[in-house]
Protein backbone atom coordinates (compact mmCIF):
# COMPACT_ATOMS: atom_id res chain seq x y z
CA MET A 1 0.00 0.00 0.00
CA ALA A 2 1.33 3.43 -0.94
CA MET A 3 1.85 6.05 1.74
CA ILE A 4 0.66 9.58 2.20
CA GLY A 5 3.46 12.02 2.95
CA ILE A 6 2.70 14.90 5.31
CA VAL A 7 5.39 17.32 4.20
CA SER A 8 7.23 19.38 6.80
CA CYS A 9 10.84 20.63 6.95
CA ASP A 10 13.93 19.71 8.93
CA LYS A 11 13.16 22.25 11.65
CA TRP A 12 9.52 21.32 12.25
CA SER A 13 9.22 17.67 11.21
CA GLY A 14 7.29 15.72 13.87
CA LYS A 15 6.93 18.77 16.11
CA ILE A 16 3.71 20.39 14.88
CA GLN A 17 0.43 19.39 16.50
CA GLU A 18 -1.57 19.79 13.29
CA ASP A 19 0.76 17.41 11.44
CA ILE A 20 0.64 14.82 14.22
CA LEU A 21 -3.16 15.01 14.50
CA LEU A 22 -3.48 14.63 10.74
CA GLN A 23 -1.21 11.58 10.73
CA GLN A 24 -3.27 10.01 13.52
CA THR A 25 -6.51 10.77 11.70
CA LEU A 26 -5.31 9.24 8.44
CA THR A 27 -4.15 6.16 10.34
CA ASN A 28 -7.59 5.86 11.94
CA LEU A 29 -9.10 6.04 8.46
CA GLY A 30 -7.03 3.03 7.42
CA GLU A 31 -4.24 4.81 5.54
CA ILE A 32 -0.48 4.82 6.00
CA ALA A 33 0.84 8.33 6.62
CA LYS A 34 4.31 9.57 7.44
CA ILE A 35 5.60 13.02 8.34
CA ILE A 36 8.57 13.83 6.12
CA SER A 37 10.85 16.80 5.43
CA TRP A 38 11.07 18.23 1.94
CA GLU A 39 14.75 18.91 2.70
CA ASP A 40 15.53 15.21 3.25
CA ARG A 41 17.48 14.08 0.16
CA ASP A 42 17.18 10.37 1.10
CA ILE A 43 13.41 10.04 0.74
CA ASP A 44 12.23 7.39 -1.74
CA TYR A 45 9.26 9.18 -3.27
CA ALA A 46 8.28 6.06 -5.19
CA LYS A 47 6.70 4.89 -1.93
CA TYR A 48 4.29 7.86 -1.84
CA SER A 49 1.09 8.26 -3.82
CA HIS A 50 0.09 11.65 -2.38
CA LEU A 51 1.84 14.46 -0.56
CA ILE A 52 0.17 17.03 1.67
CA LEU A 53 2.16 20.25 2.01
CA ARG A 54 2.06 21.34 5.62
CA SER A 55 4.69 22.81 7.95
CA VAL A 56 7.36 23.77 5.40
CA TRP A 57 7.69 27.13 7.15
CA GLY A 58 10.91 28.92 6.41
CA TYR A 59 11.12 27.75 2.79
CA GLN A 60 11.41 31.41 1.72
CA ASN A 61 14.98 31.39 3.03
CA ASN A 62 15.85 28.53 0.68
CA TYR A 63 13.44 29.35 -2.11
CA GLU A 64 15.47 28.16 -5.10
CA GLN A 65 15.83 24.68 -3.59
CA PHE A 66 12.16 24.64 -2.59
CA LYS A 67 11.18 25.61 -6.12
CA LYS A 68 13.30 22.77 -7.55
CA TRP A 69 11.64 20.36 -5.12
CA LEU A 70 8.14 21.46 -6.18
CA LEU A 71 9.04 21.07 -9.87
CA PHE A 72 10.54 17.63 -9.15
CA ILE A 73 7.29 16.54 -7.46
CA LYS A 74 5.28 17.84 -10.42
CA MET A 75 7.48 16.00 -12.92
CA SER A 76 7.29 12.79 -10.86
CA GLY A 77 3.51 12.69 -11.17
CA ILE A 78 2.94 12.44 -7.43
CA LYS A 79 -0.22 14.27 -6.40
CA LEU A 80 0.56 17.23 -4.17
CA TYR A 81 -2.08 19.20 -2.29
CA ASN A 82 -2.48 21.91 -2.88
CA ASP A 83 -1.48 21.60 -6.54
CA VAL A 84 2.04 22.79 -7.51
CA ASP A 85 0.81 25.45 -9.96
CA MET A 86 -1.67 26.72 -7.37
CA ILE A 87 1.17 26.97 -4.87
CA PHE A 88 3.42 28.96 -7.22
CA ASN A 89 0.59 31.35 -8.05
CA ASN A 90 -0.05 31.77 -4.35
CA ILE A 91 3.38 32.25 -2.81
CA GLN A 92 4.27 34.83 -5.46
CA LYS A 93 2.09 37.58 -4.04
CA ASP A 94 2.05 39.57 -7.28
CA LYS A 95 0.45 36.59 -9.06
CA GLN A 96 -1.90 36.05 -6.12
CA PHE A 97 -3.12 39.64 -6.31
CA GLN A 98 -3.48 39.44 -10.11
CA ILE A 99 -6.01 36.66 -9.59
CA LEU A 100 -7.92 38.80 -7.09
CA ASP A 101 -7.78 41.79 -9.46
CA LYS A 102 -9.27 39.67 -12.24
CA TYR A 103 -12.45 39.38 -10.15
CA SER A 104 -12.29 42.92 -8.72
CA ILE A 105 -11.74 41.55 -5.22
CA SER A 106 -10.48 44.24 -2.85
CA HIS A 107 -7.01 43.66 -1.39
CA ILE A 108 -4.39 45.79 0.35
CA PRO A 109 -3.01 48.32 -2.20
CA THR A 110 0.42 47.03 -3.14
CA VAL A 111 3.35 48.08 -5.32
CA PHE A 112 5.62 45.24 -6.47
CA ILE A 113 9.27 45.94 -7.23
CA LYS A 114 11.33 43.22 -8.93
CA ASN A 115 14.79 44.77 -9.27
CA ILE A 116 17.12 47.33 -7.71
CA TYR A 117 16.72 49.81 -10.58
CA ASP A 118 12.94 50.01 -10.13
CA LEU A 119 13.47 50.41 -6.40
CA LYS A 120 15.80 53.37 -6.87
CA ILE A 121 13.29 55.26 -9.02
CA SER A 122 10.23 54.28 -7.00
CA ASN A 123 7.99 57.04 -5.67
CA PHE A 124 6.37 54.67 -3.19
CA LEU A 125 9.02 54.76 -0.49
CA LYS A 126 7.08 56.77 2.06
CA ASN A 127 7.19 57.20 5.81
CA GLY A 128 5.14 54.59 7.61
CA TYR A 129 4.63 52.39 4.58
CA ILE A 130 5.31 48.66 4.98
CA ILE A 131 8.02 46.86 3.00
CA LYS A 132 8.56 43.10 2.84
CA PRO A 133 9.60 40.36 0.40
CA ILE A 134 7.15 39.16 -2.26
CA ILE A 135 7.81 35.59 -1.16
CA SER A 136 7.73 35.81 2.60
CA GLY A 137 6.66 34.15 5.80
CA SER A 138 6.35 34.67 9.55
CA GLY A 139 6.83 38.42 9.22
CA GLU A 140 10.51 38.02 8.28
CA LYS A 141 12.11 41.18 6.85
CA THR A 142 8.89 43.15 7.32
CA TYR A 143 9.53 46.78 8.29
CA LYS A 144 8.03 50.22 8.36
CA ILE A 145 9.87 52.62 6.08
CA SER A 146 11.54 55.67 7.63
CA LEU A 147 12.89 58.41 5.40
CA ASP A 148 14.60 60.02 8.40
CA GLU A 149 17.86 58.26 9.31
CA ASN A 150 17.59 59.76 12.80
CA ILE A 151 14.17 58.24 13.52
CA LEU A 152 14.55 54.47 13.56
CA SER A 153 13.38 51.65 15.79
CA GLU A 154 13.63 47.86 15.61
CA ASP A 155 10.63 47.59 13.30
CA MET A 156 11.82 50.34 10.93
CA ILE A 157 14.18 50.45 7.98
CA SER A 158 15.81 53.49 6.42
CA LYS A 159 15.72 54.07 2.67
CA SER A 160 19.50 53.76 2.45
CA LYS A 161 19.43 50.22 3.90
CA ILE A 162 16.71 48.75 1.66
CA CYS A 163 19.01 47.64 -1.16
CA ASP A 164 21.31 45.83 1.27
CA VAL A 165 18.55 44.14 3.29
CA TYR A 166 16.62 42.95 0.24
CA SER A 167 19.53 42.31 -2.15
CA THR A 168 18.80 38.56 -2.30
CA GLN A 169 15.10 39.05 -2.99
CA LEU A 170 15.75 41.69 -5.66
CA SER A 171 18.17 39.41 -7.47
CA THR A 172 16.07 36.22 -7.26
CA GLN A 173 13.71 35.17 -10.02
CA ASP A 174 10.05 35.21 -8.90
CA ASN A 175 10.90 37.37 -5.90
CA GLY A 176 11.36 41.05 -5.10
CA ILE A 177 9.74 43.36 -2.59
CA MET A 178 6.27 44.71 -1.99
CA ILE A 179 5.30 48.07 -0.52
CA GLN A 180 1.96 48.64 1.18
CA PRO A 181 0.36 51.35 3.30
CA TYR A 182 0.23 50.53 6.99
CA ILE A 183 -3.30 49.46 7.90
CA LYS A 184 -3.90 50.71 11.44
CA GLU A 185 -6.99 48.52 11.78
CA ILE A 186 -4.69 45.48 11.87
CA GLU A 187 -4.05 46.35 15.50
CA ASP A 188 -7.64 45.24 16.18
CA GLY A 189 -6.88 41.88 14.59
CA GLU A 190 -7.41 40.26 11.21
CA PHE A 191 -10.00 37.64 10.40
CA ALA A 192 -8.62 34.26 9.34
CA CYS A 193 -11.29 32.25 7.54
CA ILE A 194 -10.26 28.61 7.09
CA PHE A 195 -11.75 26.41 4.39
CA ILE A 196 -11.25 22.67 3.99
CA ASP A 197 -12.53 20.94 0.87
CA GLY A 198 -14.99 23.70 0.08
CA ILE A 199 -16.35 24.18 3.60
CA ASN A 200 -15.64 27.09 5.93
CA THR A 201 -14.76 24.92 8.93
CA HIS A 202 -13.71 27.63 11.39
CA ASN A 203 -12.75 31.27 11.75
CA MET A 204 -10.22 32.97 13.95
CA LEU A 205 -9.22 36.50 14.90
CA ARG A 206 -5.43 36.77 14.59
CA PHE A 207 -2.98 39.30 15.98
CA PRO A 208 0.28 38.78 14.03
CA GLY A 209 2.16 41.07 16.41
CA ILE A 210 4.64 42.47 13.90
CA PHE A 211 3.87 46.10 14.72
CA SER A 212 1.71 45.57 17.78
CA GLN A 213 1.52 43.24 20.76
CA LYS A 214 1.27 39.60 19.71
CA GLN A 215 -1.77 37.84 21.13
CA LYS A 216 -3.16 34.32 20.96
CA PRO A 217 -5.65 33.86 18.10
CA ILE A 218 -9.28 33.81 19.18
CA TYR A 219 -11.78 31.23 17.90
CA LEU A 220 -14.90 32.94 16.58
CA LYS A 221 -18.28 31.24 16.62
CA ASN A 222 -19.61 33.96 14.33
CA ILE A 223 -18.04 36.49 11.97
CA PRO A 224 -19.50 39.63 10.35
CA ALA A 225 -21.61 38.93 7.26
CA ASP A 226 -19.43 41.09 4.98
CA ILE A 227 -16.29 39.21 6.07
CA LYS A 228 -17.98 35.87 5.42
CA GLU A 229 -19.24 37.02 2.02
CA LEU A 230 -15.77 38.12 0.90
CA ALA A 231 -14.10 34.93 2.15
CA ASN A 232 -16.66 32.75 0.35
CA LYS A 233 -16.15 34.71 -2.87
CA VAL A 234 -12.42 34.01 -2.76
CA ALA A 235 -12.94 30.34 -1.88
CA ASN A 236 -15.08 29.86 -4.99
CA LEU A 237 -12.69 31.32 -7.56
CA GLU A 238 -12.10 29.13 -10.61
CA GLU A 239 -8.31 29.34 -10.13
CA TYR A 240 -8.66 27.70 -6.72
CA LYS A 241 -10.79 24.79 -7.91
CA ASP A 242 -10.27 21.56 -5.97
CA TYR A 243 -8.17 23.14 -3.23
CA LEU A 244 -7.70 20.93 -0.18
CA TYR A 245 -7.34 23.79 2.27
CA MET A 246 -7.27 27.55 2.21
CA ARG A 247 -6.95 30.40 4.70
CA VAL A 248 -8.31 33.79 3.72
CA ASP A 249 -6.94 36.64 5.86
CA ILE A 250 -9.15 39.73 5.90
CA VAL A 251 -8.90 43.09 7.62
CA TYR A 252 -11.22 46.07 7.74
CA MET A 253 -9.71 49.00 5.84
CA ASN A 254 -11.66 52.25 6.11
CA GLY A 255 -14.65 50.20 7.17
CA LYS A 256 -14.49 47.84 4.18
CA PRO A 257 -13.41 44.18 4.36
CA THR A 258 -10.15 43.86 2.44
CA ILE A 259 -7.97 40.85 1.65
CA MET A 260 -4.62 40.82 3.43
CA GLU A 261 -3.59 37.62 1.68
CA VAL A 262 -4.84 34.21 0.61
CA GLU A 263 -2.87 31.24 1.96
CA LEU A 264 -2.98 28.11 -0.22
CA ALA A 265 0.56 26.78 0.13
CA GLU A 266 1.23 25.89 3.77
CA PRO A 267 -1.25 27.85 5.89
CA ASP A 268 -1.29 27.36 9.61
CA LEU A 269 -4.88 26.15 10.02
CA LEU A 270 -4.79 27.40 13.63
CA ILE A 271 -6.46 24.24 14.90
CA LYS A 272 -4.38 24.30 18.08
CA TYR A 273 -6.11 27.52 19.14
CA VAL A 274 -9.58 25.93 19.05
CA ASP A 275 -10.25 25.09 22.69
CA ASP A 276 -13.33 22.95 22.04
CA ASP A 277 -11.94 19.43 21.51
CA GLU A 278 -15.08 18.31 19.68
CA ILE A 279 -14.79 21.11 17.13
CA LYS A 280 -11.06 20.45 16.79
CA LYS A 281 -11.79 16.77 16.10
CA GLU A 282 -14.43 17.68 13.48
CA ILE A 283 -11.95 19.93 11.66
CA ILE A 284 -9.10 17.42 11.52
CA THR A 285 -11.50 14.60 10.60
CA ARG A 286 -12.81 16.66 7.69
CA LEU A 287 -9.25 17.31 6.53
CA GLY A 288 -8.37 13.61 6.76
CA GLY A 289 -11.57 12.61 4.97
CA ALA A 290 -10.94 15.13 2.20
CA ILE A 291 -7.50 13.62 1.64
CA VAL A 292 -8.82 10.05 1.55
CA ARG A 293 -11.44 11.03 -1.05
CA ARG A 294 -8.62 12.23 -3.29
CA LEU A 295 -6.69 8.94 -3.17
């Protein structure tokens, strides 16, 4: 019998509750599942029929190798969820936002810069604006821009340092930097709407804590109707057809629900923050069942 690979990385393999719960659930459903690291060169992928991309967090720091791994999996014919092309179109935020623009879905206004020359002539380097890599994770290299070299704090970056800090991103294919206005409403939290196999299983209020105090995500029994409507619209886009899981992060901007980002590659499904064990079990069982139906 072929195995299902729950894909993690060297740092997090076997350490993430969601991965362990998923492995246990798949085992209870009669399947063989193993948590593996995409960085492990000794894996015999011929043993695996399906791979589920999970805690590969930190891949942005080794993007070229991660990209080669994804292309290898695609060429091998092993089914990966979510699909490789969907992942590429998601982790490259410029492509992600192009999909949203196609359907006139409101997202955070963003300027994408792909090379140092465009950065040097950009008119979008403004005080208080946010700068971060196009391919990013966990808030790494995310700063507020300061045009005054004398006014800097830990979460700020001066214009003169941008080229040095983002030199790798600006010289890497697919990558670059993105500049966005700071959304003050983020301090009140952002809505994280999680979908599994077409169903909105649970919703959380997150406080990323990059520019404000980090807080534990809060499980929400109900969310505002306009947030729910926007999340459902994204979840039903043709480009996201047959997704296994999705997290839609939404913030109010000037009173209007606005997409922060759509996570289709390796979203934290935030199951560990659901205190109700029965609801937690329902969520992970749905995820396991959705995988089994795809075998």
